[in-house]
Amino acid sequence: MKIRISLDIKDLTVNRVIRHFILSDLLLLGGWGLISPVFGLFIINNIQDADIFSVGVSVGVYLIIKSIVQLPVAVLLDKKQNEKTSFYVLVSSLMLAGFSAVAYCAVDTVTGLYIVSALQGFSFGLYTPSWSVMFSKHLDSGHCSLDWSLDSTTIGIASGAAAIFGGFIASAFGFTSIFIVASLLSFVGAFVLLTVPHLIFPNKTQSKTIISEHTHI
């Protein structure tokens, strides 16, 4: 028995609101993806008295703070059920992430490293639940799996490319350059969302019109 699967171009469409969220996710995670492959080398080579243990503690601080922050933020956003609140938290998290990235350039002590790592964790703790709730509210009817998979695919490819180029950029232009690029991309991600005015001041008529608009991938 042969099974034929026909793929219509309509099956590969997403609304333009989802496109903005995917782009902001790509900019943030792609930018930080530049940092990941060289972060340990940066710490050991540029921070006084830092060693491999310091690298582990820094990553641990980031992950623990992120994990602690995101749950109460998620609960709060679910209780508020206010798109404006979620949007402002999301934009603020992107801007804070941008500030965190550039702050690493000024770090010269292990204590300062842990503080900035905590700030990074706090920004991503805000970002994860706020981005998720906004993205979920604007999923395409009947294409939810496509929307989530498109984001995952985009981020996966971007992160892979960033990991490759991060090492090259750091070796060619220095560690500071990758933190500045990551910071700029985070701020651009915030700007991308701010160009969608109906998310800040939503009204039913405008939302229905925009959600119905699709673009081909």
N, C-alpha and C. Protein backbone atom coordinates (compact mmCIF):
# COMPACT_ATOMS: atom_id res chain seq x y z
N MET A 1 0.84 -1.20 0.00
CA MET A 1 0.00 0.00 0.00
C MET A 1 0.87 1.25 0.00
N LYS A 2 0.67 2.10 -0.99
CA LYS A 2 1.46 3.32 -1.09
C LYS A 2 0.74 4.49 -0.43
N ILE A 3 1.51 5.25 0.30
CA ILE A 3 0.95 6.44 0.94
C ILE A 3 1.53 7.67 0.27
N ARG A 4 0.69 8.50 -0.28
CA ARG A 4 1.14 9.72 -0.96
C ARG A 4 0.83 10.93 -0.10
N ILE A 5 1.83 11.75 0.05
CA ILE A 5 1.65 12.97 0.82
C ILE A 5 1.83 14.16 -0.11
N SER A 6 0.76 14.91 -0.31
CA SER A 6 0.84 16.09 -1.17
C SER A 6 1.06 17.32 -0.30
N LEU A 7 2.01 18.16 -0.70
CA LEU A 7 2.35 19.35 0.08
C LEU A 7 1.98 20.59 -0.71
N ASP A 8 0.97 21.28 -0.26
CA ASP A 8 0.52 22.52 -0.88
C ASP A 8 1.30 23.68 -0.30
N ILE A 9 1.51 24.71 -1.11
CA ILE A 9 2.25 25.87 -0.64
C ILE A 9 1.55 26.53 0.55
N LYS A 10 0.23 26.35 0.65
CA LYS A 10 -0.52 26.90 1.78
C LYS A 10 -0.14 26.24 3.09
N ASP A 11 0.42 25.02 2.97
CA ASP A 11 0.83 24.31 4.17
C ASP A 11 2.12 24.88 4.76
N LEU A 12 2.77 25.77 4.02
CA LEU A 12 4.03 26.35 4.47
C LEU A 12 3.92 27.85 4.68
N THR A 13 2.76 28.30 5.16
CA THR A 13 2.55 29.72 5.39
C THR A 13 2.36 30.00 6.88
N VAL A 14 2.84 31.16 7.30
CA VAL A 14 2.64 31.61 8.68
C VAL A 14 2.22 33.07 8.65
N ASN A 15 1.48 33.50 9.66
CA ASN A 15 1.07 34.90 9.67
C ASN A 15 2.24 35.80 10.04
N ARG A 16 2.16 37.05 9.68
CA ARG A 16 3.31 37.94 9.83
C ARG A 16 3.63 38.28 11.27
N VAL A 17 2.68 38.10 12.18
CA VAL A 17 2.98 38.31 13.60
C VAL A 17 3.95 37.23 14.08
N ILE A 18 3.66 35.98 13.71
CA ILE A 18 4.55 34.87 14.05
C ILE A 18 5.93 35.09 13.45
N ARG A 19 5.98 35.63 12.25
CA ARG A 19 7.28 35.91 11.61
C ARG A 19 8.10 36.87 12.45
N HIS A 20 7.46 37.88 13.02
CA HIS A 20 8.19 38.83 13.86
C HIS A 20 8.74 38.15 15.11
N PHE A 21 7.96 37.27 15.71
CA PHE A 21 8.42 36.59 16.91
C PHE A 21 9.57 35.63 16.60
N ILE A 22 9.47 34.95 15.46
CA ILE A 22 10.56 34.05 15.06
C ILE A 22 11.83 34.85 14.79
N LEU A 23 11.68 36.00 14.16
CA LEU A 23 12.84 36.84 13.87
C LEU A 23 13.50 37.35 15.15
N SER A 24 12.69 37.76 16.11
CA SER A 24 13.25 38.25 17.38
C SER A 24 13.97 37.11 18.11
N ASP A 25 13.40 35.91 18.05
CA ASP A 25 14.02 34.74 18.67
C ASP A 25 15.34 34.42 17.99
N LEU A 26 15.34 34.50 16.67
CA LEU A 26 16.55 34.24 15.90
C LEU A 26 17.64 35.24 16.25
N LEU A 27 17.30 36.51 16.34
CA LEU A 27 18.29 37.54 16.63
C LEU A 27 18.90 37.36 18.02
N LEU A 28 18.04 37.10 18.99
CA LEU A 28 18.54 36.93 20.36
C LEU A 28 19.41 35.69 20.48
N LEU A 29 18.87 34.53 20.13
CA LEU A 29 19.59 33.28 20.34
C LEU A 29 20.75 33.10 19.35
N GLY A 30 20.59 33.66 18.16
CA GLY A 30 21.69 33.63 17.20
C GLY A 30 22.86 34.47 17.69
N GLY A 31 22.54 35.63 18.26
CA GLY A 31 23.59 36.50 18.80
C GLY A 31 24.33 35.85 19.95
N TRP A 32 23.59 35.27 20.88
CA TRP A 32 24.22 34.59 22.01
C TRP A 32 24.90 33.31 21.57
N GLY A 33 24.48 32.76 20.44
CA GLY A 33 25.14 31.58 19.89
C GLY A 33 26.56 31.88 19.45
N LEU A 34 26.84 33.13 19.12
CA LEU A 34 28.20 33.53 18.78
C LEU A 34 29.12 33.41 19.99
N ILE A 35 28.55 33.65 21.16
CA ILE A 35 29.33 33.68 22.39
C ILE A 35 29.63 32.28 22.92
N SER A 36 28.66 31.39 22.82
CA SER A 36 28.75 30.07 23.46
C SER A 36 30.05 29.31 23.21
N PRO A 37 30.53 29.19 21.96
CA PRO A 37 31.72 28.35 21.73
C PRO A 37 33.02 28.92 22.29
N VAL A 38 33.06 30.21 22.59
CA VAL A 38 34.31 30.83 23.05
C VAL A 38 34.18 31.41 24.46
N PHE A 39 33.04 31.19 25.10
CA PHE A 39 32.79 31.82 26.39
C PHE A 39 33.81 31.38 27.44
N GLY A 40 34.11 30.08 27.46
CA GLY A 40 35.08 29.58 28.43
C GLY A 40 36.46 30.18 28.22
N LEU A 41 36.89 30.28 26.97
CA LEU A 41 38.19 30.87 26.66
C LEU A 41 38.22 32.34 27.06
N PHE A 42 37.12 33.03 26.83
CA PHE A 42 37.04 34.44 27.21
C PHE A 42 37.26 34.61 28.71
N ILE A 43 36.60 33.78 29.50
CA ILE A 43 36.70 33.89 30.95
C ILE A 43 38.13 33.64 31.42
N ILE A 44 38.73 32.55 30.94
CA ILE A 44 40.07 32.18 31.39
C ILE A 44 41.13 33.18 30.92
N ASN A 45 40.98 33.69 29.71
CA ASN A 45 41.99 34.59 29.14
C ASN A 45 41.84 36.04 29.56
N ASN A 46 40.63 36.45 29.96
CA ASN A 46 40.40 37.88 30.17
C ASN A 46 40.04 38.28 31.60
N ILE A 47 39.75 37.32 32.45
CA ILE A 47 39.31 37.66 33.80
C ILE A 47 40.35 37.19 34.81
N GLN A 48 40.78 38.11 35.62
CA GLN A 48 41.82 37.82 36.60
C GLN A 48 41.40 36.73 37.59
N ASP A 49 42.31 35.78 37.80
CA ASP A 49 42.11 34.68 38.75
C ASP A 49 41.01 33.69 38.34
N ALA A 50 40.50 33.81 37.12
CA ALA A 50 39.45 32.88 36.66
C ALA A 50 40.09 31.58 36.18
N ASP A 51 39.38 30.47 36.37
CA ASP A 51 39.84 29.17 35.90
C ASP A 51 38.65 28.38 35.38
N ILE A 52 38.86 27.10 35.11
CA ILE A 52 37.78 26.26 34.57
C ILE A 52 36.60 26.19 35.53
N PHE A 53 36.90 26.17 36.82
CA PHE A 53 35.83 26.14 37.82
C PHE A 53 34.97 27.40 37.70
N SER A 54 35.61 28.53 37.46
CA SER A 54 34.89 29.80 37.32
C SER A 54 33.92 29.75 36.13
N VAL A 55 34.36 29.08 35.06
CA VAL A 55 33.49 28.92 33.89
C VAL A 55 32.24 28.14 34.27
N GLY A 56 32.43 27.05 34.99
CA GLY A 56 31.30 26.23 35.41
C GLY A 56 30.35 26.97 36.33
N VAL A 57 30.92 27.71 37.27
CA VAL A 57 30.08 28.48 38.20
C VAL A 57 29.28 29.54 37.44
N SER A 58 29.93 30.21 36.50
CA SER A 58 29.26 31.25 35.72
C SER A 58 28.06 30.70 34.97
N VAL A 59 28.25 29.58 34.29
CA VAL A 59 27.15 28.94 33.55
C VAL A 59 26.08 28.48 34.51
N GLY A 60 26.51 27.94 35.65
CA GLY A 60 25.55 27.47 36.66
C GLY A 60 24.71 28.61 37.21
N VAL A 61 25.34 29.74 37.48
CA VAL A 61 24.61 30.92 37.98
C VAL A 61 23.56 31.35 36.98
N TYR A 62 23.96 31.41 35.71
CA TYR A 62 23.02 31.79 34.65
C TYR A 62 21.81 30.86 34.61
N LEU A 63 22.06 29.56 34.59
CA LEU A 63 20.97 28.59 34.47
C LEU A 63 20.06 28.57 35.69
N ILE A 64 20.66 28.68 36.88
CA ILE A 64 19.87 28.66 38.11
C ILE A 64 18.98 29.90 38.22
N ILE A 65 19.56 31.07 37.95
CA ILE A 65 18.77 32.31 38.01
C ILE A 65 17.66 32.29 36.98
N LYS A 66 17.98 31.86 35.76
CA LYS A 66 16.96 31.77 34.70
C LYS A 66 15.82 30.86 35.14
N SER A 67 16.15 29.71 35.69
CA SER A 67 15.14 28.74 36.09
C SER A 67 14.28 29.25 37.24
N ILE A 68 14.89 29.96 38.17
CA ILE A 68 14.16 30.50 39.31
C ILE A 68 13.22 31.61 38.89
N VAL A 69 13.68 32.45 37.98
CA VAL A 69 12.90 33.63 37.57
C VAL A 69 11.73 33.27 36.68
N GLN A 70 11.92 32.35 35.74
CA GLN A 70 10.90 32.15 34.70
C GLN A 70 9.58 31.56 35.22
N LEU A 71 9.62 30.76 36.27
CA LEU A 71 8.38 30.18 36.77
C LEU A 71 7.43 31.22 37.37
N PRO A 72 7.88 32.07 38.32
CA PRO A 72 6.96 33.09 38.84
C PRO A 72 6.51 34.08 37.77
N VAL A 73 7.39 34.38 36.82
CA VAL A 73 7.01 35.28 35.73
C VAL A 73 5.92 34.63 34.89
N ALA A 74 6.06 33.34 34.60
CA ALA A 74 5.05 32.62 33.83
C ALA A 74 3.71 32.62 34.55
N VAL A 75 3.74 32.36 35.85
CA VAL A 75 2.51 32.35 36.64
C VAL A 75 1.86 33.73 36.62
N LEU A 76 2.67 34.77 36.77
CA LEU A 76 2.15 36.14 36.77
C LEU A 76 1.50 36.49 35.43
N LEU A 77 2.17 36.14 34.34
CA LEU A 77 1.63 36.45 33.02
C LEU A 77 0.34 35.68 32.74
N ASP A 78 0.28 34.45 33.22
CA ASP A 78 -0.95 33.66 33.05
C ASP A 78 -2.11 34.26 33.84
N LYS A 79 -1.80 34.79 35.03
CA LYS A 79 -2.85 35.39 35.85
C LYS A 79 -3.31 36.72 35.26
N LYS A 80 -2.36 37.49 34.75
CA LYS A 80 -2.71 38.81 34.21
C LYS A 80 -3.54 38.69 32.94
N GLN A 81 -3.19 37.72 32.09
CA GLN A 81 -3.89 37.52 30.81
C GLN A 81 -3.99 38.85 30.05
N ASN A 82 -2.89 39.59 30.07
CA ASN A 82 -2.85 40.91 29.45
C ASN A 82 -1.74 40.93 28.41
N GLU A 83 -2.13 41.10 27.15
CA GLU A 83 -1.15 41.04 26.07
C GLU A 83 -0.13 42.17 26.16
N LYS A 84 -0.60 43.33 26.62
CA LYS A 84 0.31 44.46 26.76
C LYS A 84 1.42 44.16 27.77
N THR A 85 1.03 43.60 28.91
CA THR A 85 2.00 43.27 29.95
C THR A 85 3.03 42.28 29.43
N SER A 86 2.56 41.23 28.77
CA SER A 86 3.46 40.22 28.23
C SER A 86 4.41 40.84 27.20
N PHE A 87 3.88 41.74 26.40
CA PHE A 87 4.68 42.38 25.36
C PHE A 87 5.78 43.24 25.98
N TYR A 88 5.43 44.03 26.98
CA TYR A 88 6.42 44.90 27.60
C TYR A 88 7.49 44.10 28.34
N VAL A 89 7.09 43.00 28.96
CA VAL A 89 8.07 42.13 29.62
C VAL A 89 9.02 41.55 28.57
N LEU A 90 8.47 41.15 27.43
CA LEU A 90 9.27 40.57 26.36
C LEU A 90 10.29 41.57 25.82
N VAL A 91 9.84 42.76 25.50
CA VAL A 91 10.74 43.78 24.98
C VAL A 91 11.80 44.15 26.01
N SER A 92 11.39 44.27 27.26
CA SER A 92 12.34 44.59 28.33
C SER A 92 13.40 43.50 28.48
N SER A 93 12.98 42.25 28.33
CA SER A 93 13.93 41.14 28.47
C SER A 93 14.98 41.17 27.36
N LEU A 94 14.56 41.52 26.15
CA LEU A 94 15.49 41.62 25.04
C LEU A 94 16.50 42.74 25.26
N MET A 95 16.03 43.86 25.76
CA MET A 95 16.91 44.99 26.02
C MET A 95 17.87 44.67 27.16
N LEU A 96 17.38 43.98 28.18
CA LEU A 96 18.23 43.60 29.30
C LEU A 96 19.27 42.57 28.85
N ALA A 97 18.88 41.67 27.96
CA ALA A 97 19.83 40.70 27.42
C ALA A 97 20.92 41.41 26.62
N GLY A 98 20.53 42.44 25.88
CA GLY A 98 21.51 43.22 25.13
C GLY A 98 22.49 43.93 26.05
N PHE A 99 21.98 44.46 27.15
CA PHE A 99 22.84 45.11 28.13
C PHE A 99 23.77 44.09 28.79
N SER A 100 23.25 42.90 29.06
CA SER A 100 24.05 41.84 29.70
C SER A 100 25.23 41.45 28.82
N ALA A 101 24.98 41.32 27.51
CA ALA A 101 26.03 40.92 26.59
C ALA A 101 27.17 41.92 26.57
N VAL A 102 26.84 43.20 26.47
CA VAL A 102 27.89 44.22 26.41
C VAL A 102 28.56 44.40 27.77
N ALA A 103 27.84 44.05 28.85
CA ALA A 103 28.41 44.17 30.20
C ALA A 103 29.58 43.22 30.40
N TYR A 104 29.54 42.09 29.69
CA TYR A 104 30.65 41.13 29.80
C TYR A 104 31.98 41.77 29.36
N CYS A 105 31.90 42.74 28.46
CA CYS A 105 33.12 43.40 27.98
C CYS A 105 33.83 44.15 29.10
N ALA A 106 33.08 44.58 30.10
CA ALA A 106 33.66 45.37 31.19
C ALA A 106 34.07 44.52 32.39
N VAL A 107 33.76 43.24 32.35
CA VAL A 107 34.07 42.35 33.48
C VAL A 107 35.56 42.07 33.55
N ASP A 108 36.16 42.24 34.73
CA ASP A 108 37.58 41.91 34.91
C ASP A 108 37.84 41.16 36.22
N THR A 109 36.78 40.83 36.94
CA THR A 109 36.92 40.04 38.17
C THR A 109 35.92 38.89 38.15
N VAL A 110 36.22 37.87 38.92
CA VAL A 110 35.33 36.71 38.99
C VAL A 110 33.99 37.10 39.58
N THR A 111 34.01 37.97 40.59
CA THR A 111 32.76 38.43 41.20
C THR A 111 31.89 39.16 40.18
N GLY A 112 32.52 40.02 39.39
CA GLY A 112 31.79 40.74 38.35
C GLY A 112 31.22 39.79 37.32
N LEU A 113 31.97 38.73 37.03
CA LEU A 113 31.51 37.71 36.08
C LEU A 113 30.22 37.07 36.57
N TYR A 114 30.19 36.72 37.84
CA TYR A 114 29.00 36.06 38.38
C TYR A 114 27.80 37.01 38.41
N ILE A 115 28.06 38.28 38.65
CA ILE A 115 26.97 39.26 38.68
C ILE A 115 26.35 39.40 37.29
N VAL A 116 27.20 39.50 36.28
CA VAL A 116 26.69 39.64 34.91
C VAL A 116 26.00 38.35 34.47
N SER A 117 26.51 37.21 34.90
CA SER A 117 25.87 35.93 34.57
C SER A 117 24.47 35.87 35.18
N ALA A 118 24.35 36.39 36.40
CA ALA A 118 23.04 36.44 37.06
C ALA A 118 22.10 37.38 36.30
N LEU A 119 22.64 38.50 35.81
CA LEU A 119 21.83 39.44 35.03
C LEU A 119 21.37 38.80 33.73
N GLN A 120 22.26 38.06 33.10
CA GLN A 120 21.90 37.33 31.89
C GLN A 120 20.79 36.32 32.19
N GLY A 121 20.94 35.59 33.29
CA GLY A 121 19.92 34.62 33.68
C GLY A 121 18.58 35.27 33.95
N PHE A 122 18.61 36.45 34.57
CA PHE A 122 17.38 37.18 34.86
C PHE A 122 16.69 37.60 33.56
N SER A 123 17.48 38.09 32.61
CA SER A 123 16.90 38.54 31.33
C SER A 123 16.27 37.38 30.58
N PHE A 124 16.93 36.22 30.56
CA PHE A 124 16.36 35.07 29.87
C PHE A 124 15.21 34.45 30.66
N GLY A 125 15.22 34.64 31.98
CA GLY A 125 14.10 34.20 32.79
C GLY A 125 12.84 34.99 32.50
N LEU A 126 13.01 36.25 32.11
CA LEU A 126 11.88 37.07 31.67
C LEU A 126 11.48 36.72 30.24
N TYR A 127 12.48 36.46 29.42
CA TYR A 127 12.24 36.25 28.00
C TYR A 127 11.45 34.97 27.71
N THR A 128 11.87 33.88 28.31
CA THR A 128 11.27 32.58 27.98
C THR A 128 9.75 32.53 28.14
N PRO A 129 9.20 32.90 29.31
CA PRO A 129 7.74 32.82 29.45
C PRO A 129 7.00 33.90 28.65
N SER A 130 7.58 35.10 28.56
CA SER A 130 6.88 36.18 27.84
C SER A 130 6.86 35.91 26.34
N TRP A 131 7.97 35.42 25.78
CA TRP A 131 7.98 35.09 24.36
C TRP A 131 7.02 33.93 24.09
N SER A 132 7.03 32.91 24.96
CA SER A 132 6.19 31.74 24.76
C SER A 132 4.70 32.08 24.77
N VAL A 133 4.29 32.93 25.71
CA VAL A 133 2.86 33.25 25.79
C VAL A 133 2.43 34.10 24.61
N MET A 134 3.28 35.03 24.17
CA MET A 134 2.93 35.86 23.03
C MET A 134 2.88 35.03 21.74
N PHE A 135 3.87 34.17 21.58
CA PHE A 135 3.93 33.31 20.40
C PHE A 135 2.71 32.40 20.36
N SER A 136 2.36 31.83 21.51
CA SER A 136 1.23 30.89 21.58
C SER A 136 -0.09 31.55 21.23
N LYS A 137 -0.26 32.81 21.60
CA LYS A 137 -1.52 33.51 21.36
C LYS A 137 -1.74 33.82 19.88
N HIS A 138 -0.66 33.80 19.10
CA HIS A 138 -0.79 34.18 17.69
C HIS A 138 -0.51 33.03 16.74
N LEU A 139 -0.55 31.81 17.25
CA LEU A 139 -0.33 30.65 16.38
C LEU A 139 -1.40 30.57 15.30
N ASP A 140 -1.00 30.09 14.13
CA ASP A 140 -1.94 29.91 13.03
C ASP A 140 -2.86 28.74 13.31
N SER A 141 -4.13 28.94 13.10
CA SER A 141 -5.09 27.86 13.28
C SER A 141 -4.80 26.75 12.28
N GLY A 142 -4.61 25.54 12.79
CA GLY A 142 -4.32 24.41 11.92
C GLY A 142 -2.87 24.27 11.54
N HIS A 143 -2.04 25.25 11.92
CA HIS A 143 -0.62 25.21 11.57
C HIS A 143 0.25 25.37 12.81
N CYS A 144 -0.24 25.00 13.97
CA CYS A 144 0.51 25.21 15.21
C CYS A 144 1.85 24.48 15.18
N SER A 145 1.83 23.24 14.70
CA SER A 145 3.06 22.47 14.64
C SER A 145 4.07 23.11 13.70
N LEU A 146 3.58 23.64 12.58
CA LEU A 146 4.46 24.32 11.63
C LEU A 146 5.10 25.54 12.28
N ASP A 147 4.31 26.34 12.97
CA ASP A 147 4.82 27.55 13.60
C ASP A 147 5.95 27.24 14.58
N TRP A 148 5.69 26.27 15.48
CA TRP A 148 6.71 25.90 16.46
C TRP A 148 7.93 25.28 15.79
N SER A 149 7.69 24.44 14.80
CA SER A 149 8.81 23.77 14.12
C SER A 149 9.63 24.74 13.31
N LEU A 150 8.96 25.72 12.71
CA LEU A 150 9.69 26.73 11.95
C LEU A 150 10.62 27.53 12.85
N ASP A 151 10.12 27.87 14.04
CA ASP A 151 10.97 28.59 15.00
C ASP A 151 12.15 27.72 15.41
N SER A 152 11.88 26.45 15.74
CA SER A 152 12.94 25.55 16.16
C SER A 152 13.98 25.34 15.07
N THR A 153 13.50 25.18 13.83
CA THR A 153 14.41 24.98 12.70
C THR A 153 15.26 26.22 12.46
N THR A 154 14.62 27.37 12.49
CA THR A 154 15.33 28.63 12.27
C THR A 154 16.41 28.84 13.32
N ILE A 155 16.04 28.62 14.59
CA ILE A 155 17.00 28.81 15.67
C ILE A 155 18.11 27.79 15.61
N GLY A 156 17.77 26.55 15.25
CA GLY A 156 18.78 25.52 15.14
C GLY A 156 19.83 25.85 14.09
N ILE A 157 19.37 26.27 12.92
CA ILE A 157 20.29 26.63 11.84
C ILE A 157 21.11 27.85 12.22
N ALA A 158 20.43 28.86 12.80
CA ALA A 158 21.13 30.09 13.18
C ALA A 158 22.17 29.83 14.26
N SER A 159 21.82 29.00 15.24
CA SER A 159 22.75 28.70 16.33
C SER A 159 23.95 27.92 15.81
N GLY A 160 23.70 26.99 14.89
CA GLY A 160 24.80 26.23 14.30
C GLY A 160 25.75 27.14 13.54
N ALA A 161 25.19 28.03 12.73
CA ALA A 161 26.01 28.97 11.97
C ALA A 161 26.76 29.91 12.91
N ALA A 162 26.07 30.35 13.98
CA ALA A 162 26.70 31.26 14.93
C ALA A 162 27.86 30.59 15.65
N ALA A 163 27.70 29.32 15.99
CA ALA A 163 28.78 28.59 16.66
C ALA A 163 30.02 28.53 15.78
N ILE A 164 29.79 28.38 14.47
CA ILE A 164 30.92 28.33 13.53
C ILE A 164 31.60 29.68 13.41
N PHE A 165 30.78 30.72 13.23
CA PHE A 165 31.34 32.04 13.00
C PHE A 165 31.81 32.73 14.28
N GLY A 166 31.26 32.31 15.43
CA GLY A 166 31.67 32.93 16.69
C GLY A 166 33.15 32.80 16.94
N GLY A 167 33.66 31.58 16.72
CA GLY A 167 35.09 31.36 16.91
C GLY A 167 35.91 32.17 15.93
N PHE A 168 35.45 32.25 14.68
CA PHE A 168 36.19 33.02 13.67
C PHE A 168 36.23 34.50 14.01
N ILE A 169 35.07 35.04 14.39
CA ILE A 169 35.00 36.47 14.72
C ILE A 169 35.89 36.79 15.93
N ALA A 170 35.85 35.92 16.94
CA ALA A 170 36.66 36.15 18.13
C ALA A 170 38.15 36.10 17.81
N SER A 171 38.55 35.17 16.96
CA SER A 171 39.97 35.05 16.62
C SER A 171 40.44 36.19 15.73
N ALA A 172 39.54 36.69 14.90
CA ALA A 172 39.91 37.75 13.96
C ALA A 172 39.80 39.15 14.57
N PHE A 173 38.80 39.36 15.41
CA PHE A 173 38.56 40.71 15.91
C PHE A 173 38.57 40.83 17.43
N GLY A 174 38.73 39.70 18.13
CA GLY A 174 38.79 39.75 19.59
C GLY A 174 37.46 39.39 20.23
N PHE A 175 37.53 39.04 21.51
CA PHE A 175 36.33 38.63 22.25
C PHE A 175 35.28 39.73 22.35
N THR A 176 35.77 40.96 22.51
CA THR A 176 34.83 42.08 22.68
C THR A 176 33.84 42.17 21.52
N SER A 177 34.32 41.87 20.31
CA SER A 177 33.48 42.02 19.12
C SER A 177 32.24 41.14 19.17
N ILE A 178 32.39 39.89 19.66
CA ILE A 178 31.22 39.00 19.65
C ILE A 178 30.19 39.42 20.70
N PHE A 179 30.65 39.98 21.82
CA PHE A 179 29.70 40.46 22.81
C PHE A 179 28.95 41.70 22.30
N ILE A 180 29.65 42.54 21.57
CA ILE A 180 29.00 43.72 21.01
C ILE A 180 27.98 43.31 19.95
N VAL A 181 28.34 42.36 19.10
CA VAL A 181 27.40 41.88 18.06
C VAL A 181 26.18 41.25 18.71
N ALA A 182 26.40 40.42 19.74
CA ALA A 182 25.27 39.78 20.45
C ALA A 182 24.38 40.83 21.08
N SER A 183 24.98 41.87 21.65
CA SER A 183 24.21 42.94 22.26
C SER A 183 23.37 43.68 21.22
N LEU A 184 23.99 44.01 20.11
CA LEU A 184 23.26 44.72 19.04
C LEU A 184 22.10 43.89 18.51
N LEU A 185 22.32 42.59 18.33
CA LEU A 185 21.26 41.73 17.81
C LEU A 185 20.10 41.63 18.80
N SER A 186 20.40 41.64 20.10
CA SER A 186 19.34 41.60 21.10
C SER A 186 18.49 42.87 21.04
N PHE A 187 19.17 44.02 20.91
CA PHE A 187 18.44 45.29 20.81
C PHE A 187 17.64 45.37 19.51
N VAL A 188 18.20 44.84 18.43
CA VAL A 188 17.46 44.81 17.16
C VAL A 188 16.23 43.93 17.30
N GLY A 189 16.35 42.83 18.04
CA GLY A 189 15.20 41.96 18.29
C GLY A 189 14.07 42.70 18.98
N ALA A 190 14.43 43.56 19.95
CA ALA A 190 13.43 44.38 20.64
C ALA A 190 12.79 45.37 19.66
N PHE A 191 13.63 45.96 18.80
CA PHE A 191 13.12 46.93 17.83
C PHE A 191 12.17 46.27 16.84
N VAL A 192 12.48 45.05 16.43
CA VAL A 192 11.62 44.31 15.49
C VAL A 192 10.22 44.17 16.06
N LEU A 193 10.12 43.86 17.34
CA LEU A 193 8.80 43.71 17.96
C LEU A 193 8.10 45.05 18.12
N LEU A 194 8.87 46.09 18.36
CA LEU A 194 8.28 47.42 18.52
C LEU A 194 7.73 47.97 17.21
N THR A 195 8.07 47.32 16.09
CA THR A 195 7.53 47.75 14.80
C THR A 195 6.18 47.11 14.51
N VAL A 196 5.66 46.35 15.48
CA VAL A 196 4.33 45.73 15.32
C VAL A 196 3.39 46.41 16.31
N PRO A 197 2.86 47.56 15.96
CA PRO A 197 2.09 48.37 16.91
C PRO A 197 0.85 47.71 17.48
N HIS A 198 0.22 46.80 16.71
CA HIS A 198 -1.02 46.21 17.22
C HIS A 198 -0.77 45.30 18.43
N LEU A 199 0.50 44.89 18.64
CA LEU A 199 0.81 44.09 19.82
C LEU A 199 0.88 44.95 21.08
N ILE A 200 1.21 46.22 20.89
CA ILE A 200 1.29 47.11 22.04
C ILE A 200 -0.10 47.62 22.41
N PHE A 201 -0.86 47.99 21.40
CA PHE A 201 -2.22 48.49 21.60
C PHE A 201 -3.18 47.64 20.78
N PRO A 202 -3.41 46.42 21.20
CA PRO A 202 -4.25 45.52 20.40
C PRO A 202 -5.71 45.94 20.39
N ASN A 203 -6.34 45.79 19.24
CA ASN A 203 -7.79 45.90 19.19
C ASN A 203 -8.30 44.78 18.31
N LYS A 204 -9.50 44.35 18.55
CA LYS A 204 -10.02 43.14 17.93
C LYS A 204 -10.06 43.21 16.41
N THR A 205 -10.45 44.35 15.88
CA THR A 205 -10.58 44.46 14.43
C THR A 205 -9.23 44.34 13.77
N GLN A 206 -8.21 45.06 14.31
CA GLN A 206 -6.89 45.04 13.72
C GLN A 206 -6.26 43.67 13.85
N SER A 207 -6.44 43.04 15.01
CA SER A 207 -5.85 41.73 15.24
C SER A 207 -6.38 40.70 14.27
N LYS A 208 -7.72 40.72 14.03
CA LYS A 208 -8.33 39.76 13.11
C LYS A 208 -7.78 39.95 11.71
N THR A 209 -7.58 41.22 11.31
CA THR A 209 -7.08 41.50 9.98
C THR A 209 -5.67 40.98 9.82
N ILE A 210 -4.82 41.23 10.83
CA ILE A 210 -3.42 40.85 10.73
C ILE A 210 -3.24 39.35 10.80
N ILE A 211 -4.00 38.70 11.68
CA ILE A 211 -3.86 37.26 11.81
C ILE A 211 -4.25 36.54 10.52
N SER A 212 -5.17 37.15 9.75
CA SER A 212 -5.62 36.53 8.52
C SER A 212 -4.62 36.68 7.39
N GLU A 213 -3.63 37.61 7.56
CA GLU A 213 -2.66 37.83 6.51
C GLU A 213 -1.57 36.76 6.59
N HIS A 214 -1.17 36.19 5.48
CA HIS A 214 -0.14 35.16 5.47
C HIS A 214 0.91 35.52 4.45
N THR A 215 2.07 34.97 4.66
CA THR A 215 3.15 35.16 3.70
C THR A 215 3.78 33.81 3.39
N HIS A 216 4.24 33.60 2.20
CA HIS A 216 4.84 32.33 1.83
C HIS A 216 6.26 32.24 2.35
N ILE A 217 6.62 31.05 2.80
CA ILE A 217 7.98 30.79 3.31
C ILE A 217 8.81 30.20 2.17
